[in-house]
PDB file of N, CA and C in Angstrom:
ATOM      1  N   UNK A   1     112.291  92.234  94.543  1.00  0.00           N
ATOM      2  CA  UNK A   1     111.064  91.469  94.410  1.00  0.00           C
ATOM      3  C   UNK A   1     110.000  91.974  95.384  1.00  0.00           C
ATOM      4  N   UNK A   2     110.393  92.299  96.612  1.00  0.00           N
ATOM      5  CA  UNK A   2     109.434  92.740  97.614  1.00  0.00           C
ATOM      6  C   UNK A   2     108.785  94.056  97.204  1.00  0.00           C
ATOM      7  N   UNK A   3     109.552  94.965  96.582  1.00  0.00           N
ATOM      8  CA  UNK A   3     108.982  96.240  96.159  1.00  0.00           C
ATOM      9  C   UNK A   3     107.924  96.041  95.083  1.00  0.00           C
ATOM     10  N   UNK A   4     108.147  95.092  94.183  1.00  0.00           N
ATOM     11  CA  UNK A   4     107.140  94.775  93.172  1.00  0.00           C
ATOM     12  C   UNK A   4     105.897  94.185  93.822  1.00  0.00           C
ATOM     13  N   UNK A   5     106.095  93.348  94.822  1.00  0.00           N
ATOM     14  CA  UNK A   5     104.971  92.746  95.547  1.00  0.00           C
ATOM     15  C   UNK A   5     104.178  93.837  96.275  1.00  0.00           C
ATOM     16  N   UNK A   6     104.863  94.772  96.901  1.00  0.00           N
ATOM     17  CA  UNK A   6     104.181  95.866  97.601  1.00  0.00           C
ATOM     18  C   UNK A   6     103.366  96.700  96.614  1.00  0.00           C
ATOM     19  N   UNK A   7     103.926  96.982  95.475  1.00  0.00           N
ATOM     20  CA  UNK A   7     103.213  97.755  94.444  1.00  0.00           C
ATOM     21  C   UNK A   7     101.952  97.010  93.993  1.00  0.00           C
ATOM     22  N   UNK A   8     102.099  95.705  93.793  1.00  0.00           N
ATOM     23  CA  UNK A   8     100.951  94.884  93.401  1.00  0.00           C
ATOM     24  C   UNK A   8      99.873  94.893  94.482  1.00  0.00           C
ATOM     25  N   UNK A   9     100.283  94.783  95.744  1.00  0.00           N
ATOM     26  CA  UNK A   9      99.323  94.803  96.844  1.00  0.00           C
ATOM     27  C   UNK A   9      98.612  96.157  96.939  1.00  0.00           C
ATOM     28  N   UNK A  10      99.312  97.242  96.649  1.00  0.00           N
ATOM     29  CA  UNK A  10      98.680  98.565  96.660  1.00  0.00           C
ATOM     30  C   UNK A  10      97.621  98.671  95.566  1.00  0.00           C
ATOM     31  N   UNK A  11      97.910  98.069  94.423  1.00  0.00           N
ATOM     32  CA  UNK A  11      96.957  98.110  93.308  1.00  0.00           C
ATOM     33  C   UNK A  11      95.758  97.194  93.540  1.00  0.00           C
ATOM     34  N   UNK A  12      95.917  96.168  94.370  1.00  0.00           N
ATOM     35  CA  UNK A  12      94.878  95.153  94.543  1.00  0.00           C
ATOM     36  C   UNK A  12      94.443  95.021  95.999  1.00  0.00           C
ATOM     37  N   UNK A  13      94.169  96.140  96.630  1.00  0.00           N
ATOM     38  CA  UNK A  13      93.770  96.110  98.033  1.00  0.00           C
ATOM     39  C   UNK A  13      92.383  95.479  98.187  1.00  0.00           C
ATOM     40  N   UNK A  14      92.159  94.843  99.337  1.00  0.00           N
ATOM     41  CA  UNK A  14      90.841  94.295  99.637  1.00  0.00           C
ATOM     42  C   UNK A  14      89.874  95.449  99.908  1.00  0.00           C
ATOM     43  N   UNK A  15      88.585  95.148  99.907  1.00  0.00           N
ATOM     44  CA  UNK A  15      87.598  96.184 100.201  1.00  0.00           C
ATOM     45  C   UNK A  15      87.818  96.781 101.590  1.00  0.00           C
ATOM     46  N   UNK A  16      88.152  95.926 102.554  1.00  0.00           N
ATOM     47  CA  UNK A  16      88.410  96.417 103.911  1.00  0.00           C
ATOM     48  C   UNK A  16      89.632  97.339 103.927  1.00  0.00           C
ATOM     49  N   UNK A  17      90.689  96.961 103.228  1.00  0.00           N
ATOM     50  CA  UNK A  17      91.888  97.808 103.169  1.00  0.00           C
ATOM     51  C   UNK A  17      91.573  99.137 102.499  1.00  0.00           C
ATOM     52  N   UNK A  18      90.796  99.103 101.425  1.00  0.00           N
ATOM     53  CA  UNK A  18      90.417 100.348 100.738  1.00  0.00           C
ATOM     54  C   UNK A  18      89.640 101.272 101.675  1.00  0.00           C
ATOM     55  N   UNK A  19      88.694 100.686 102.414  1.00  0.00           N
ATOM     56  CA  UNK A  19      87.882 101.506 103.308  1.00  0.00           C
ATOM     57  C   UNK A  19      88.744 102.137 104.401  1.00  0.00           C
ATOM     58  N   UNK A  20      89.623 101.337 105.004  1.00  0.00           N
ATOM     59  CA  UNK A  20      90.467 101.874 106.068  1.00  0.00           C
ATOM     60  C   UNK A  20      91.458 102.891 105.514  1.00  0.00           C
ATOM     61  N   UNK A  21      92.019 102.623 104.348  1.00  0.00           N
ATOM     62  CA  UNK A  21      92.953 103.563 103.741  1.00  0.00           C
ATOM     63  C   UNK A  21      92.286 104.924 103.504  1.00  0.00           C
ATOM     64  N   UNK A  22      91.016 104.897 103.132  1.00  0.00           N
ATOM     65  CA  UNK A  22      90.279 106.144 102.936  1.00  0.00           C
ATOM     66  C   UNK A  22      90.202 106.981 104.203  1.00  0.00           C
ATOM     67  N   UNK A  23      90.301 106.323 105.346  1.00  0.00           N
ATOM     68  CA  UNK A  23      90.230 107.021 106.635  1.00  0.00           C
ATOM     69  C   UNK A  23      91.614 107.369 107.190  1.00  0.00           C
ATOM     70  N   UNK A  24      92.669 106.695 106.714  1.00  0.00           N
ATOM     71  CA  UNK A  24      94.020 106.927 107.230  1.00  0.00           C
ATOM     72  C   UNK A  24      94.835 107.883 106.353  1.00  0.00           C
ATOM     73  N   UNK A  25      94.560 107.892 105.082  1.00  0.00           N
ATOM     74  CA  UNK A  25      95.394 108.649 104.143  1.00  0.00           C
ATOM     75  C   UNK A  25      95.304 110.152 104.368  1.00  0.00           C
ATOM     76  N   UNK A  26      96.292 110.848 103.867  1.00  0.00           N
ATOM     77  CA  UNK A  26      96.268 112.306 103.910  1.00  0.00           C
ATOM     78  C   UNK A  26      96.330 112.896 105.307  1.00  0.00           C
ATOM     79  N   UNK A  27      97.025 112.220 106.213  1.00  0.00           N
ATOM     80  CA  UNK A  27      97.194 112.727 107.587  1.00  0.00           C
ATOM     81  C   UNK A  27      95.861 112.983 108.288  1.00  0.00           C
ATOM     82  N   UNK A  28      94.835 112.204 107.947  1.00  0.00           N
ATOM     83  CA  UNK A  28      93.505 112.431 108.526  1.00  0.00           C
ATOM     84  C   UNK A  28      93.457 112.195 110.030  1.00  0.00           C
ATOM     85  N   UNK A  29      94.396 111.421 110.554  1.00  0.00           N
ATOM     86  CA  UNK A  29      94.463 111.211 112.003  1.00  0.00           C
ATOM     87  C   UNK A  29      95.598 112.018 112.628  1.00  0.00           C
ATOM     88  N   UNK A  30      96.143 112.943 111.862  1.00  0.00           N
ATOM     89  CA  UNK A  30      97.193 113.809 112.372  1.00  0.00           C
ATOM     90  C   UNK A  30      98.597 113.255 112.198  1.00  0.00           C
ATOM     91  N   UNK A  31      98.718 112.100 111.577  1.00  0.00           N
ATOM     92  CA  UNK A  31     100.019 111.487 111.309  1.00  0.00           C
ATOM     93  C   UNK A  31      99.980 110.883 109.908  1.00  0.00           C
ATOM     94  N   UNK A  32     101.157 110.622 109.376  1.00  0.00           N
ATOM     95  CA  UNK A  32     101.273 110.062 108.033  1.00  0.00           C
ATOM     96  C   UNK A  32     101.307 108.535 108.088  1.00  0.00           C
ATOM     97  N   UNK A  33     100.420 107.901 107.334  1.00  0.00           N
ATOM     98  CA  UNK A  33     100.440 106.448 107.165  1.00  0.00           C
ATOM     99  C   UNK A  33     100.880 106.110 105.757  1.00  0.00           C
ATOM    100  N   UNK A  34     101.594 105.025 105.637  1.00  0.00           N
ATOM    101  CA  UNK A  34     101.947 104.451 104.343  1.00  0.00           C
ATOM    102  C   UNK A  34     101.165 103.162 104.198  1.00  0.00           C
ATOM    103  N   UNK A  35     100.809 102.801 102.972  1.00  0.00           N
ATOM    104  CA  UNK A  35     100.088 101.545 102.761  1.00  0.00           C
ATOM    105  C   UNK A  35     100.979 100.551 102.045  1.00  0.00           C
ATOM    106  N   UNK A  36     100.802  99.285 102.408  1.00  0.00           N
ATOM    107  CA  UNK A  36     101.592  98.193 101.822  1.00  0.00           C
ATOM    108  C   UNK A  36     103.072  98.582 101.804  1.00  0.00           C
ATOM    109  N   UNK A  37     103.581  98.811 102.980  1.00  0.00           N
ATOM    110  CA  UNK A  37     104.947  99.314 103.160  1.00  0.00           C
ATOM    111  C   UNK A  37     105.851  98.210 103.696  1.00  0.00           C
ATOM    112  N   UNK A  38     107.058  98.146 103.178  1.00  0.00           N
ATOM    113  CA  UNK A  38     108.004  97.129 103.629  1.00  0.00           C
ATOM    114  C   UNK A  38     108.661  97.561 104.932  1.00  0.00           C
ATOM    115  N   UNK A  39     108.623  96.655 105.899  1.00  0.00           N
ATOM    116  CA  UNK A  39     109.329  96.835 107.173  1.00  0.00           C
ATOM    117  C   UNK A  39     110.125  95.554 107.370  1.00  0.00           C
ATOM    118  N   UNK A  40     111.438  95.659 107.249  1.00  0.00           N
ATOM    119  CA  UNK A  40     112.264  94.451 107.291  1.00  0.00           C
ATOM    120  C   UNK A  40     111.861  93.535 106.150  1.00  0.00           C
ATOM    121  N   UNK A  41     111.696  92.249 106.428  1.00  0.00           N
ATOM    122  CA  UNK A  41     111.341  91.314 105.358  1.00  0.00           C
ATOM    123  C   UNK A  41     109.836  91.270 105.072  1.00  0.00           C
ATOM    124  N   UNK A  42     109.050  92.080 105.761  1.00  0.00           N
ATOM    125  CA  UNK A  42     107.595  91.996 105.661  1.00  0.00           C
ATOM    126  C   UNK A  42     107.004  93.212 104.961  1.00  0.00           C
ATOM    127  N   UNK A  43     105.862  92.990 104.333  1.00  0.00           N
ATOM    128  CA  UNK A  43     105.064  94.091 103.798  1.00  0.00           C
ATOM    129  C   UNK A  43     103.850  94.203 104.712  1.00  0.00           C
ATOM    130  N   UNK A  44     103.722  95.348 105.353  1.00  0.00           N
ATOM    131  CA  UNK A  44     102.622  95.554 106.292  1.00  0.00           C
ATOM    132  C   UNK A  44     101.520  96.335 105.591  1.00  0.00           C
ATOM    133  N   UNK A  45     100.295  96.152 106.053  1.00  0.00           N
ATOM    134  CA  UNK A  45      99.171  96.826 105.400  1.00  0.00           C
ATOM    135  C   UNK A  45      99.285  98.338 105.528  1.00  0.00           C
ATOM    136  N   UNK A  46      99.441  98.834 106.760  1.00  0.00           N
ATOM    137  CA  UNK A  46      99.550 100.274 106.990  1.00  0.00           C
ATOM    138  C   UNK A  46     100.598 100.530 108.051  1.00  0.00           C
ATOM    139  N   UNK A  47     101.434 101.539 107.821  1.00  0.00           N
ATOM    140  CA  UNK A  47     102.503 101.851 108.771  1.00  0.00           C
ATOM    141  C   UNK A  47     102.564 103.342 109.010  1.00  0.00           C
ATOM    142  N   UNK A  48     102.614 103.698 110.278  1.00  0.00           N
ATOM    143  CA  UNK A  48     102.910 105.069 110.687  1.00  0.00           C
ATOM    144  C   UNK A  48     104.318 105.010 111.255  1.00  0.00           C
ATOM    145  N   UNK A  49     105.289 105.412 110.454  1.00  0.00           N
ATOM    146  CA  UNK A  49     106.689 105.280 110.843  1.00  0.00           C
ATOM    147  C   UNK A  49     107.053 106.190 112.007  1.00  0.00           C
ATOM    148  N   UNK A  50     106.491 107.400 112.039  1.00  0.00           N
ATOM    149  CA  UNK A  50     106.857 108.342 113.106  1.00  0.00           C
ATOM    150  C   UNK A  50     106.390 107.871 114.471  1.00  0.00           C
ATOM    151  N   UNK A  51     105.319 107.087 114.524  1.00  0.00           N
ATOM    152  CA  UNK A  51     104.814 106.568 115.791  1.00  0.00           C
ATOM    153  C   UNK A  51     105.097 105.080 115.971  1.00  0.00           C
ATOM    154  N   UNK A  52     105.776 104.484 114.983  1.00  0.00           N
ATOM    155  CA  UNK A  52     106.132 103.060 115.038  1.00  0.00           C
ATOM    156  C   UNK A  52     104.878 102.202 115.268  1.00  0.00           C
ATOM    157  N   UNK A  53     103.847 102.482 114.472  1.00  0.00           N
ATOM    158  CA  UNK A  53     102.591 101.763 114.568  1.00  0.00           C
ATOM    159  C   UNK A  53     102.297 101.053 113.251  1.00  0.00           C
ATOM    160  N   UNK A  54     101.970  99.782 113.344  1.00  0.00           N
ATOM    161  CA  UNK A  54     101.569  98.974 112.199  1.00  0.00           C
ATOM    162  C   UNK A  54     100.101  98.617 112.387  1.00  0.00           C
ATOM    163  N   UNK A  55      99.313  98.752 111.325  1.00  0.00           N
ATOM    164  CA  UNK A  55      97.913  98.328 111.348  1.00  0.00           C
ATOM    165  C   UNK A  55      97.753  97.252 110.284  1.00  0.00           C
ATOM    166  N   UNK A  56      97.289  96.090 110.723  1.00  0.00           N
ATOM    167  CA  UNK A  56      97.060  94.962 109.823  1.00  0.00           C
ATOM    168  C   UNK A  56      95.572  94.683 109.726  1.00  0.00           C
ATOM    169  N   UNK A  57      95.102  94.397 108.513  1.00  0.00           N
ATOM    170  CA  UNK A  57      93.711  94.040 108.260  1.00  0.00           C
ATOM    171  C   UNK A  57      93.737  92.601 107.760  1.00  0.00           C
ATOM    172  N   UNK A  58      93.160  91.703 108.564  1.00  0.00           N
ATOM    173  CA  UNK A  58      93.309  90.269 108.316  1.00  0.00           C
ATOM    174  C   UNK A  58      92.029  89.621 107.828  1.00  0.00           C
ATOM    175  N   UNK A  59      92.207  88.684 106.896  1.00  0.00           N
ATOM    176  CA  UNK A  59      91.113  87.856 106.411  1.00  0.00           C
ATOM    177  C   UNK A  59      91.140  86.504 107.098  1.00  0.00           C
ATOM    178  N   UNK A  60      90.263  85.619 106.685  1.00  0.00           N
ATOM    179  CA  UNK A  60      90.085  84.322 107.321  1.00  0.00           C
ATOM    180  C   UNK A  60      91.316  83.446 107.352  1.00  0.00           C
ATOM    181  N   UNK A  61      92.196  83.552 106.364  1.00  0.00           N
ATOM    182  CA  UNK A  61      93.400  82.720 106.329  1.00  0.00           C
ATOM    183  C   UNK A  61      94.296  82.975 107.535  1.00  0.00           C
ATOM    184  N   UNK A  62      94.130  84.114 108.161  1.00  0.00           N
ATOM    185  CA  UNK A  62      94.940  84.440 109.342  1.00  0.00           C
ATOM    186  C   UNK A  62      94.436  83.732 110.593  1.00  0.00           C
ATOM    187  N   UNK A  63      93.273  83.088 110.506  1.00  0.00           N
ATOM    188  CA  UNK A  63      92.695  82.399 111.655  1.00  0.00           C
ATOM    189  C   UNK A  63      92.949  80.892 111.608  1.00  0.00           C
ATOM    190  N   UNK A  64      93.758  80.448 110.663  1.00  0.00           N
ATOM    191  CA  UNK A  64      94.129  79.039 110.553  1.00  0.00           C
ATOM    192  C   UNK A  64      95.496  78.851 111.204  1.00  0.00           C
ATOM    193  N   UNK A  65      95.821  77.620 111.643  1.00  0.00           N
ATOM    194  CA  UNK A  65      97.083  77.398 112.366  1.00  0.00           C
ATOM    195  C   UNK A  65      98.320  77.973 111.670  1.00  0.00           C
ATOM    196  N   UNK A  66      98.465  77.749 110.369  1.00  0.00           N
ATOM    197  CA  UNK A  66      99.639  78.285 109.661  1.00  0.00           C
ATOM    198  C   UNK A  66      99.629  79.810 109.667  1.00  0.00           C
ATOM    199  N   UNK A  67      98.458  80.385 109.436  1.00  0.00           N
ATOM    200  CA  UNK A  67      98.342  81.845 109.423  1.00  0.00           C
ATOM    201  C   UNK A  67      98.627  82.449 110.782  1.00  0.00           C
ATOM    202  N   UNK A  68      98.124  81.807 111.840  1.00  0.00           N
ATOM    203  CA  UNK A  68      98.370  82.301 113.199  1.00  0.00           C
ATOM    204  C   UNK A  68      99.851  82.252 113.544  1.00  0.00           C
ATOM    205  N   UNK A  69     100.506  81.152 113.180  1.00  0.00           N
ATOM    206  CA  UNK A  69     101.942  81.012 113.458  1.00  0.00           C
ATOM    207  C   UNK A  69     102.744  82.053 112.677  1.00  0.00           C
ATOM    208  N   UNK A  70     102.381  82.260 111.431  1.00  0.00           N
ATOM    209  CA  UNK A  70     103.077  83.249 110.586  1.00  0.00           C
ATOM    210  C   UNK A  70     102.887  84.652 111.175  1.00  0.00           C
ATOM    211  N   UNK A  71     101.655  84.963 111.595  1.00  0.00           N
ATOM    212  CA  UNK A  71     101.385  86.277 112.181  1.00  0.00           C
ATOM    213  C   UNK A  71     102.148  86.468 113.490  1.00  0.00           C
ATOM    214  N   UNK A  72     102.257  85.410 114.296  1.00  0.00           N
ATOM    215  CA  UNK A  72     103.014  85.499 115.552  1.00  0.00           C
ATOM    216  C   UNK A  72     104.481  85.828 115.284  1.00  0.00           C
ATOM    217  N   UNK A  73     105.086  85.158 114.299  1.00  0.00           N
ATOM    218  CA  UNK A  73     106.496  85.432 113.954  1.00  0.00           C
ATOM    219  C   UNK A  73     106.652  86.868 113.448  1.00  0.00           C
ATOM    220  N   UNK A  74     105.732  87.269 112.608  1.00  0.00           N
ATOM    221  CA  UNK A  74     105.768  88.605 112.019  1.00  0.00           C
ATOM    222  C   UNK A  74     105.627  89.676 113.114  1.00  0.00           C
ATOM    223  N   UNK A  75     104.652  89.489 113.995  1.00  0.00           N
ATOM    224  CA  UNK A  75     104.440  90.448 115.076  1.00  0.00           C
ATOM    225  C   UNK A  75     105.639  90.500 116.008  1.00  0.00           C
ATOM    226  N   UNK A  76     106.219  89.349 116.327  1.00  0.00           N
ATOM    227  CA  UNK A  76     107.401  89.311 117.192  1.00  0.00           C
ATOM    228  C   UNK A  76     108.553  90.093 116.552  1.00  0.00           C
ATOM    229  N   UNK A  77     108.772  89.908 115.254  1.00  0.00           N
ATOM    230  CA  UNK A  77     109.822  90.648 114.560  1.00  0.00           C
ATOM    231  C   UNK A  77     109.555  92.151 114.640  1.00  0.00           C
ATOM    232  N   UNK A  78     108.326  92.563 114.329  1.00  0.00           N
ATOM    233  CA  UNK A  78     107.985  93.985 114.324  1.00  0.00           C
ATOM    234  C   UNK A  78     108.097  94.584 115.722  1.00  0.00           C
ATOM    235  N   UNK A  79     107.670  93.822 116.749  1.00  0.00           N
ATOM    236  CA  UNK A  79     107.814  94.289 118.138  1.00  0.00           C
ATOM    237  C   UNK A  79     109.284  94.474 118.501  1.00  0.00           C
ATOM    238  N   UNK A  80     110.139  93.536 118.102  1.00  0.00           N
ATOM    239  CA  UNK A  80     111.574  93.656 118.391  1.00  0.00           C
ATOM    240  C   UNK A  80     112.165  94.893 117.727  1.00  0.00           C
ATOM    241  N   UNK A  81     111.582  95.284 116.596  1.00  0.00           N
ATOM    242  CA  UNK A  81     112.044  96.463 115.870  1.00  0.00           C
ATOM    243  C   UNK A  81     111.401  97.743 116.428  1.00  0.00           C
ATOM    244  N   UNK A  82     110.623  97.611 117.512  1.00  0.00           N
ATOM    245  CA  UNK A  82     110.049  98.770 118.175  1.00  0.00           C
ATOM    246  C   UNK A  82     108.639  99.146 117.744  1.00  0.00           C
ATOM    247  N   UNK A  83     108.028  98.355 116.864  1.00  0.00           N
ATOM    248  CA  UNK A  83     106.678  98.660 116.383  1.00  0.00           C
ATOM    249  C   UNK A  83     105.612  98.033 117.282  1.00  0.00           C
ATOM    250  N   UNK A  84     104.492  98.715 117.370  1.00  0.00           N
ATOM    251  CA  UNK A  84     103.284  98.150 117.950  1.00  0.00           C
ATOM    252  C   UNK A  84     102.409  97.725 116.784  1.00  0.00           C
ATOM    253  N   UNK A  85     101.797  96.549 116.886  1.00  0.00           N
ATOM    254  CA  UNK A  85     100.959  96.024 115.810  1.00  0.00           C
ATOM    255  C   UNK A  85      99.514  95.958 116.304  1.00  0.00           C
ATOM    256  N   UNK A  86      98.627  96.621 115.569  1.00  0.00           N
ATOM    257  CA  UNK A  86      97.190  96.503 115.813  1.00  0.00           C
ATOM    258  C   UNK A  86      96.608  95.670 114.683  1.00  0.00           C
ATOM    259  N   UNK A  87      95.834  94.647 115.032  1.00  0.00           N
ATOM    260  CA  UNK A  87      95.220  93.768 114.033  1.00  0.00           C
ATOM    261  C   UNK A  87      93.707  93.867 114.106  1.00  0.00           C
ATOM    262  N   UNK A  88      93.091  93.942 112.927  1.00  0.00           N
ATOM    263  CA  UNK A  88      91.637  93.983 112.821  1.00  0.00           C
ATOM    264  C   UNK A  88      91.204  92.990 111.752  1.00  0.00           C
ATOM    265  N   UNK A  89      90.058  92.364 111.978  1.00  0.00           N
ATOM    266  CA  UNK A  89      89.496  91.460 110.973  1.00  0.00           C
ATOM    267  C   UNK A  89      88.835  92.275 109.873  1.00  0.00           C
ATOM    268  N   UNK A  90      88.875  91.771 108.642  1.00  0.00           N
ATOM    269  CA  UNK A  90      88.219  92.427 107.511  1.00  0.00           C
ATOM    270  C   UNK A  90      86.782  92.806 107.851  1.00  0.00           C
ATOM    271  N   UNK A  91      86.015  91.843 108.411  1.00  0.00           N
ATOM    272  CA  UNK A  91      84.602  92.115 108.665  1.00  0.00           C
ATOM    273  C   UNK A  91      84.409  93.217 109.702  1.00  0.00           C
ATOM    274  N   UNK A  92      85.332  93.354 110.650  1.00  0.00           N
ATOM    275  CA  UNK A  92      85.249  94.451 111.618  1.00  0.00           C
ATOM    276  C   UNK A  92      85.488  95.798 110.943  1.00  0.00           C
ATOM    277  N   UNK A  93      86.467  95.840 110.054  1.00  0.00           N
ATOM    278  CA  UNK A  93      86.750  97.089 109.332  1.00  0.00           C
ATOM    279  C   UNK A  93      85.544  97.480 108.484  1.00  0.00           C
ATOM    280  N   UNK A  94      84.917  96.512 107.834  1.00  0.00           N
ATOM    281  CA  UNK A  94      83.783  96.809 106.968  1.00  0.00           C
ATOM    282  C   UNK A  94      82.517  97.157 107.749  1.00  0.00           C
ATOM    283  N   UNK A  95      82.267  96.453 108.848  1.00  0.00           N
ATOM    284  CA  UNK A  95      81.020  96.646 109.588  1.00  0.00           C
ATOM    285  C   UNK A  95      81.115  97.745 110.641  1.00  0.00           C
ATOM    286  N   UNK A  96      82.319  97.977 111.166  1.00  0.00           N
ATOM    287  CA  UNK A  96      82.496  98.939 112.260  1.00  0.00           C
ATOM    288  C   UNK A  96      83.707  99.831 112.004  1.00  0.00           C
ATOM    289  N   UNK A  97      83.721 100.451 110.845  1.00  0.00           N
ATOM    290  CA  UNK A  97      84.860 101.278 110.443  1.00  0.00           C
ATOM    291  C   UNK A  97      85.159 102.363 111.473  1.00  0.00           C
ATOM    292  N   UNK A  98      84.133 103.046 111.948  1.00  0.00           N
ATOM    293  CA  UNK A  98      84.353 104.132 112.914  1.00  0.00           C
ATOM    294  C   UNK A  98      85.016 103.617 114.188  1.00  0.00           C
ATOM    295  N   UNK A  99      84.596 102.431 114.664  1.00  0.00           N
ATOM    296  CA  UNK A  99      85.189 101.861 115.880  1.00  0.00           C
ATOM    297  C   UNK A  99      86.661 101.518 115.670  1.00  0.00           C
ATOM    298  N   UNK A 100      86.983 100.967 114.492  1.00  0.00           N
ATOM    299  CA  UNK A 100      88.373 100.620 114.180  1.00  0.00           C
ATOM    300  C   UNK A 100      89.225 101.884 114.136  1.00  0.00           C
ATOM    301  N   UNK A 101      88.735 102.896 113.453  1.00  0.00           N
ATOM    302  CA  UNK A 101      89.483 104.162 113.345  1.00  0.00           C
ATOM    303  C   UNK A 101      89.641 104.792 114.729  1.00  0.00           C
ATOM    304  N   UNK A 102      88.616 104.712 115.549  1.00  0.00           N
ATOM    305  CA  UNK A 102      88.704 105.265 116.903  1.00  0.00           C
ATOM    306  C   UNK A 102      89.764 104.524 117.727  1.00  0.00           C
ATOM    307  N   UNK A 103      89.844 103.210 117.576  1.00  0.00           N
ATOM    308  CA  UNK A 103      90.864 102.430 118.275  1.00  0.00           C
ATOM    309  C   UNK A 103      92.261 102.872 117.847  1.00  0.00           C
ATOM    310  N   UNK A 104      92.451 103.075 116.552  1.00  0.00           N
ATOM    311  CA  UNK A 104      93.747 103.532 116.042  1.00  0.00           C
ATOM    312  C   UNK A 104      94.042 104.931 116.577  1.00  0.00           C
ATOM    313  N   UNK A 105      93.062 105.811 116.506  1.00  0.00           N
ATOM    314  CA  UNK A 105      93.233 107.179 116.990  1.00  0.00           C
ATOM    315  C   UNK A 105      93.589 107.190 118.466  1.00  0.00           C
ATOM    316  N   UNK A 106      92.865 106.400 119.259  1.00  0.00           N
ATOM    317  CA  UNK A 106      93.151 106.315 120.695  1.00  0.00           C
ATOM    318  C   UNK A 106      94.569 105.829 120.945  1.00  0.00           C
ATOM    319  N   UNK A 107      95.002 104.847 120.186  1.00  0.00           N
ATOM    320  CA  UNK A 107      96.375 104.356 120.353  1.00  0.00           C
ATOM    321  C   UNK A 107      97.386 105.461 120.017  1.00  0.00           C
ATOM    322  N   UNK A 108      97.142 106.169 118.939  1.00  0.00           N
ATOM    323  CA  UNK A 108      98.046 107.259 118.546  1.00  0.00           C
ATOM    324  C   UNK A 108      98.108 108.330 119.618  1.00  0.00           C
ATOM    325  N   UNK A 109      96.993 108.672 120.201  1.00  0.00           N
ATOM    326  CA  UNK A 109      96.960 109.700 121.248  1.00  0.00           C
ATOM    327  C   UNK A 109      97.626 109.213 122.521  1.00  0.00           C
ATOM    328  N   UNK A 110      97.435 107.945 122.859  1.00  0.00           N
ATOM    329  CA  UNK A 110      98.091 107.373 124.022  1.00  0.00           C
ATOM    330  C   UNK A 110      99.608 107.351 123.808  1.00  0.00           C
ATOM    331  N   UNK A 111     100.025 107.025 122.594  1.00  0.00           N
ATOM    332  CA  UNK A 111     101.462 106.948 122.288  1.00  0.00           C
ATOM    333  C   UNK A 111     102.116 108.313 122.377  1.00  0.00           C
ATOM    334  N   UNK A 112     101.311 109.364 122.211  1.00  0.00           N
ATOM    335  CA  UNK A 112     101.832 110.729 122.230  1.00  0.00           C
ATOM    336  C   UNK A 112     102.175 111.188 123.648  1.00  0.00           C
ATOM    337  N   UNK A 113     101.516 110.629 124.650  1.00  0.00           N
ATOM    338  CA  UNK A 113     101.686 111.071 126.029  1.00  0.00           C
ATOM    339  C   UNK A 113     103.024 110.699 126.606  1.00  0.00           C
TER     340      UNK A 113
END
């Protein structure tokens, strides 16, 4: 069921996810990212498996109590599995795409050291 959900999410990405994917795909930052990829019981927006980096693009529902609690559990699980999670708001990705990509790039370069 999760694989079907991931496929559906890939086909129906938000505008912010589409914009960021355009900047992450094809090893444009020097590493391979997967989109809407399953990690444990979760489907993450973008994952760089070789660097154990997850990038999440969040909408307004993530700023409500239930969404915040769900994100905390999800992040805790991913951290326990060795992943670092970077979260960005949809409006930040859309309005400041270069800044978001630079933050991801900086994290990747720091992780390399």
